[in-house]
Amino acid sequence: MEVYDNASVSSLEITKLWVYPNPVSDKLTIKIDGENENMDVVMYDVFEKKVRAQLLEVTQNNIHNTINVSDLVSGPYLLLLRGDNEVKTI
């Protein structure tokens, strides 16, 4: 699975975002520095089918979570990050 940042960005202001490794085969890591609210991440395949949804929890003003993707087929996926009334697509 590869992650592309083609950022059709709405209003979510994230200054330090890491999504790695790329490509990923087992666990995808999402790290956001300076965030003070929990977020949801939703993962879609190229057919716009939701394949994952997970809460990203804040710990000490940062988000650092992993998502198990080992059962997904290889290919591009879209990640949607949602905060309170804010969205960022990567």
N, C-alpha and C. Protein backbone atom coordinates (compact mmCIF):
# COMPACT_ATOMS: atom_id res chain seq x y z
N MET A 1 0.84 -1.16 0.00
CA MET A 1 0.00 0.00 0.00
C MET A 1 0.89 1.23 0.00
N GLU A 2 0.55 2.22 -0.82
CA GLU A 2 1.30 3.47 -0.86
C GLU A 2 0.41 4.61 -0.40
N VAL A 3 1.01 5.59 0.24
CA VAL A 3 0.28 6.76 0.72
C VAL A 3 0.75 7.96 -0.08
N TYR A 4 -0.19 8.69 -0.69
CA TYR A 4 0.11 9.88 -1.47
C TYR A 4 -0.50 11.08 -0.78
N ASP A 5 0.23 12.18 -0.70
CA ASP A 5 -0.33 13.39 -0.11
C ASP A 5 -0.74 14.33 -1.24
N ASN A 6 -1.90 14.05 -1.83
CA ASN A 6 -2.41 14.93 -2.86
C ASN A 6 -3.36 15.94 -2.25
N ALA A 7 -3.42 15.96 -0.95
CA ALA A 7 -4.04 16.94 -0.07
C ALA A 7 -5.15 17.78 -0.68
N SER A 8 -6.29 17.18 -0.84
CA SER A 8 -7.47 17.99 -1.12
C SER A 8 -7.94 18.51 0.24
N VAL A 9 -7.27 19.53 0.70
CA VAL A 9 -7.40 20.00 2.07
C VAL A 9 -8.65 20.84 2.23
N SER A 10 -9.41 20.53 3.24
CA SER A 10 -10.51 21.40 3.63
C SER A 10 -9.96 22.35 4.69
N SER A 11 -10.58 22.42 5.84
CA SER A 11 -10.22 23.45 6.80
C SER A 11 -9.35 22.97 7.96
N LEU A 12 -8.99 21.70 8.02
CA LEU A 12 -8.21 21.20 9.15
C LEU A 12 -6.78 21.71 9.06
N GLU A 13 -6.35 22.43 10.06
CA GLU A 13 -5.01 23.02 10.09
C GLU A 13 -4.07 22.07 10.82
N ILE A 14 -3.24 21.37 10.07
CA ILE A 14 -2.24 20.48 10.66
C ILE A 14 -0.89 20.94 10.13
N THR A 15 0.01 21.30 11.03
CA THR A 15 1.31 21.80 10.58
C THR A 15 2.38 20.72 10.53
N LYS A 16 2.28 19.71 11.38
CA LYS A 16 3.29 18.65 11.41
C LYS A 16 2.60 17.30 11.38
N LEU A 17 2.52 16.72 10.19
CA LEU A 17 1.85 15.44 9.97
C LEU A 17 2.81 14.47 9.32
N TRP A 18 2.90 13.27 9.88
CA TRP A 18 3.71 12.21 9.31
C TRP A 18 2.84 10.98 9.12
N VAL A 19 2.91 10.38 7.94
CA VAL A 19 2.22 9.13 7.64
C VAL A 19 3.30 8.22 7.04
N TYR A 20 3.64 7.15 7.72
CA TYR A 20 4.74 6.29 7.28
C TYR A 20 4.54 4.87 7.78
N PRO A 21 5.26 3.87 7.22
CA PRO A 21 6.17 3.93 6.07
C PRO A 21 5.38 3.97 4.76
N ASN A 22 6.07 4.27 3.69
CA ASN A 22 5.46 4.31 2.37
C ASN A 22 6.41 3.66 1.39
N PRO A 23 6.07 2.54 0.83
CA PRO A 23 4.82 1.79 0.99
C PRO A 23 4.78 1.04 2.33
N VAL A 24 3.59 0.65 2.74
CA VAL A 24 3.40 -0.04 4.00
C VAL A 24 2.83 -1.43 3.73
N SER A 25 3.21 -2.39 4.56
CA SER A 25 2.69 -3.75 4.38
C SER A 25 2.03 -4.30 5.65
N ASP A 26 2.34 -3.71 6.80
CA ASP A 26 1.85 -4.26 8.06
C ASP A 26 1.13 -3.20 8.90
N LYS A 27 1.86 -2.22 9.40
CA LYS A 27 1.27 -1.19 10.26
C LYS A 27 1.61 0.19 9.71
N LEU A 28 0.57 1.00 9.53
CA LEU A 28 0.71 2.37 9.09
C LEU A 28 0.73 3.27 10.32
N THR A 29 1.72 4.15 10.41
CA THR A 29 1.84 5.06 11.54
C THR A 29 1.39 6.45 11.12
N ILE A 30 0.56 7.06 11.96
CA ILE A 30 0.12 8.43 11.76
C ILE A 30 0.55 9.21 12.99
N LYS A 31 1.34 10.27 12.74
CA LYS A 31 1.85 11.10 13.84
C LYS A 31 1.52 12.55 13.53
N ILE A 32 0.91 13.24 14.51
CA ILE A 32 0.57 14.65 14.37
C ILE A 32 1.07 15.36 15.62
N ASP A 33 1.99 16.33 15.45
CA ASP A 33 2.50 17.10 16.57
C ASP A 33 1.65 18.33 16.81
N GLY A 34 1.52 18.71 18.08
CA GLY A 34 0.84 19.93 18.45
C GLY A 34 -0.67 19.86 18.36
N GLU A 35 -1.22 18.68 18.39
CA GLU A 35 -2.68 18.51 18.30
C GLU A 35 -3.23 18.30 19.70
N ASN A 36 -4.34 18.95 20.02
CA ASN A 36 -4.89 18.83 21.37
C ASN A 36 -6.29 18.24 21.41
N GLU A 37 -6.77 17.69 20.29
CA GLU A 37 -8.07 17.01 20.31
C GLU A 37 -7.97 15.69 19.55
N ASN A 38 -8.74 14.72 20.00
CA ASN A 38 -8.78 13.44 19.31
C ASN A 38 -9.32 13.63 17.90
N MET A 39 -8.91 12.76 16.99
CA MET A 39 -9.38 12.80 15.61
C MET A 39 -9.79 11.40 15.18
N ASP A 40 -10.59 11.35 14.15
CA ASP A 40 -10.92 10.08 13.51
C ASP A 40 -10.15 9.99 12.22
N VAL A 41 -9.71 8.79 11.88
CA VAL A 41 -9.14 8.55 10.56
C VAL A 41 -10.01 7.50 9.90
N VAL A 42 -10.37 7.75 8.65
CA VAL A 42 -11.14 6.80 7.86
C VAL A 42 -10.33 6.52 6.60
N MET A 43 -10.18 5.25 6.27
CA MET A 43 -9.39 4.83 5.11
C MET A 43 -10.32 4.26 4.05
N TYR A 44 -10.15 4.73 2.81
CA TYR A 44 -10.96 4.29 1.68
C TYR A 44 -10.08 3.68 0.60
N ASP A 45 -10.63 2.68 -0.12
CA ASP A 45 -9.91 2.16 -1.28
C ASP A 45 -10.25 3.01 -2.50
N VAL A 46 -9.72 2.66 -3.67
CA VAL A 46 -9.93 3.46 -4.88
C VAL A 46 -11.37 3.43 -5.37
N PHE A 47 -12.16 2.50 -4.86
CA PHE A 47 -13.58 2.42 -5.23
C PHE A 47 -14.47 3.16 -4.22
N GLU A 48 -13.82 3.94 -3.33
CA GLU A 48 -14.48 4.73 -2.30
C GLU A 48 -15.21 3.88 -1.27
N LYS A 49 -14.74 2.66 -1.10
CA LYS A 49 -15.27 1.77 -0.07
C LYS A 49 -14.47 1.98 1.21
N LYS A 50 -15.17 2.21 2.33
CA LYS A 50 -14.48 2.38 3.60
C LYS A 50 -13.91 1.04 4.04
N VAL A 51 -12.58 1.02 4.28
CA VAL A 51 -11.92 -0.22 4.67
C VAL A 51 -11.41 -0.19 6.11
N ARG A 52 -11.30 1.01 6.70
CA ARG A 52 -10.87 1.16 8.09
C ARG A 52 -11.44 2.44 8.66
N ALA A 53 -11.67 2.43 9.95
CA ALA A 53 -12.02 3.64 10.71
C ALA A 53 -11.44 3.47 12.10
N GLN A 54 -10.79 4.50 12.59
CA GLN A 54 -10.13 4.37 13.89
C GLN A 54 -10.05 5.75 14.55
N LEU A 55 -10.13 5.76 15.86
CA LEU A 55 -9.95 6.97 16.64
C LEU A 55 -8.46 7.19 16.86
N LEU A 56 -7.99 8.40 16.60
CA LEU A 56 -6.61 8.78 16.88
C LEU A 56 -6.64 9.59 18.17
N GLU A 57 -6.03 9.07 19.22
CA GLU A 57 -6.12 9.70 20.53
C GLU A 57 -4.90 10.56 20.83
N VAL A 58 -5.15 11.69 21.48
CA VAL A 58 -4.10 12.63 21.87
C VAL A 58 -3.42 12.13 23.13
N THR A 59 -2.09 12.17 23.14
CA THR A 59 -1.28 11.88 24.31
C THR A 59 -0.23 12.98 24.41
N GLN A 60 -0.23 13.73 25.47
CA GLN A 60 0.73 14.82 25.71
C GLN A 60 0.81 15.78 24.51
N ASN A 61 -0.34 16.26 24.04
CA ASN A 61 -0.44 17.24 22.96
C ASN A 61 0.06 16.72 21.61
N ASN A 62 0.06 15.40 21.43
CA ASN A 62 0.46 14.79 20.18
C ASN A 62 -0.42 13.58 19.89
N ILE A 63 -0.51 13.25 18.62
CA ILE A 63 -1.17 12.02 18.19
C ILE A 63 -0.10 11.13 17.58
N HIS A 64 -0.04 9.89 18.03
CA HIS A 64 0.92 8.92 17.49
C HIS A 64 0.27 7.55 17.55
N ASN A 65 -0.39 7.14 16.46
CA ASN A 65 -1.14 5.89 16.43
C ASN A 65 -0.71 5.04 15.24
N THR A 66 -0.97 3.75 15.34
CA THR A 66 -0.74 2.85 14.22
C THR A 66 -2.05 2.20 13.81
N ILE A 67 -2.13 1.87 12.53
CA ILE A 67 -3.30 1.18 11.97
C ILE A 67 -2.81 -0.10 11.32
N ASN A 68 -3.39 -1.22 11.70
CA ASN A 68 -3.03 -2.50 11.10
C ASN A 68 -3.65 -2.58 9.70
N VAL A 69 -2.80 -2.71 8.68
CA VAL A 69 -3.26 -2.79 7.30
C VAL A 69 -2.79 -4.08 6.63
N SER A 70 -2.33 -5.03 7.43
CA SER A 70 -1.75 -6.25 6.87
C SER A 70 -2.73 -7.08 6.05
N ASP A 71 -4.03 -6.91 6.29
CA ASP A 71 -5.02 -7.69 5.55
C ASP A 71 -5.54 -6.99 4.29
N LEU A 72 -5.06 -5.77 4.03
CA LEU A 72 -5.51 -5.04 2.84
C LEU A 72 -4.66 -5.39 1.63
N VAL A 73 -5.30 -5.39 0.45
CA VAL A 73 -4.56 -5.66 -0.77
C VAL A 73 -3.70 -4.45 -1.11
N SER A 74 -2.62 -4.71 -1.81
CA SER A 74 -1.70 -3.66 -2.22
C SER A 74 -2.38 -2.69 -3.18
N GLY A 75 -2.11 -1.41 -3.04
CA GLY A 75 -2.69 -0.40 -3.92
C GLY A 75 -2.83 0.92 -3.20
N PRO A 76 -3.31 1.95 -3.91
CA PRO A 76 -3.48 3.27 -3.29
C PRO A 76 -4.73 3.34 -2.41
N TYR A 77 -4.64 4.09 -1.33
CA TYR A 77 -5.75 4.31 -0.41
C TYR A 77 -5.82 5.79 -0.06
N LEU A 78 -6.99 6.23 0.31
CA LEU A 78 -7.24 7.60 0.70
C LEU A 78 -7.47 7.64 2.20
N LEU A 79 -6.82 8.57 2.90
CA LEU A 79 -7.02 8.74 4.34
C LEU A 79 -7.77 10.04 4.57
N LEU A 80 -8.79 9.98 5.38
CA LEU A 80 -9.58 11.14 5.74
C LEU A 80 -9.42 11.37 7.23
N LEU A 81 -8.87 12.52 7.61
CA LEU A 81 -8.71 12.88 9.02
C LEU A 81 -9.81 13.86 9.37
N ARG A 82 -10.51 13.57 10.48
CA ARG A 82 -11.62 14.44 10.91
C ARG A 82 -11.42 14.88 12.34
N GLY A 83 -11.48 16.19 12.54
CA GLY A 83 -11.52 16.77 13.88
C GLY A 83 -12.92 17.32 14.08
N ASP A 84 -13.07 18.20 15.05
CA ASP A 84 -14.38 18.83 15.29
C ASP A 84 -14.71 19.75 14.12
N ASN A 85 -15.64 19.30 13.26
CA ASN A 85 -16.11 20.07 12.10
C ASN A 85 -15.00 20.43 11.13
N GLU A 86 -13.91 19.69 11.12
CA GLU A 86 -12.79 19.95 10.21
C GLU A 86 -12.37 18.64 9.57
N VAL A 87 -11.90 18.72 8.32
CA VAL A 87 -11.53 17.52 7.57
C VAL A 87 -10.26 17.78 6.78
N LYS A 88 -9.41 16.77 6.69
CA LYS A 88 -8.22 16.81 5.82
C LYS A 88 -8.13 15.47 5.13
N THR A 89 -7.98 15.49 3.81
CA THR A 89 -7.83 14.28 3.02
C THR A 89 -6.38 14.17 2.57
N ILE A 90 -5.79 12.98 2.79
CA ILE A 90 -4.41 12.75 2.31
C ILE A 90 -4.36 11.45 1.56
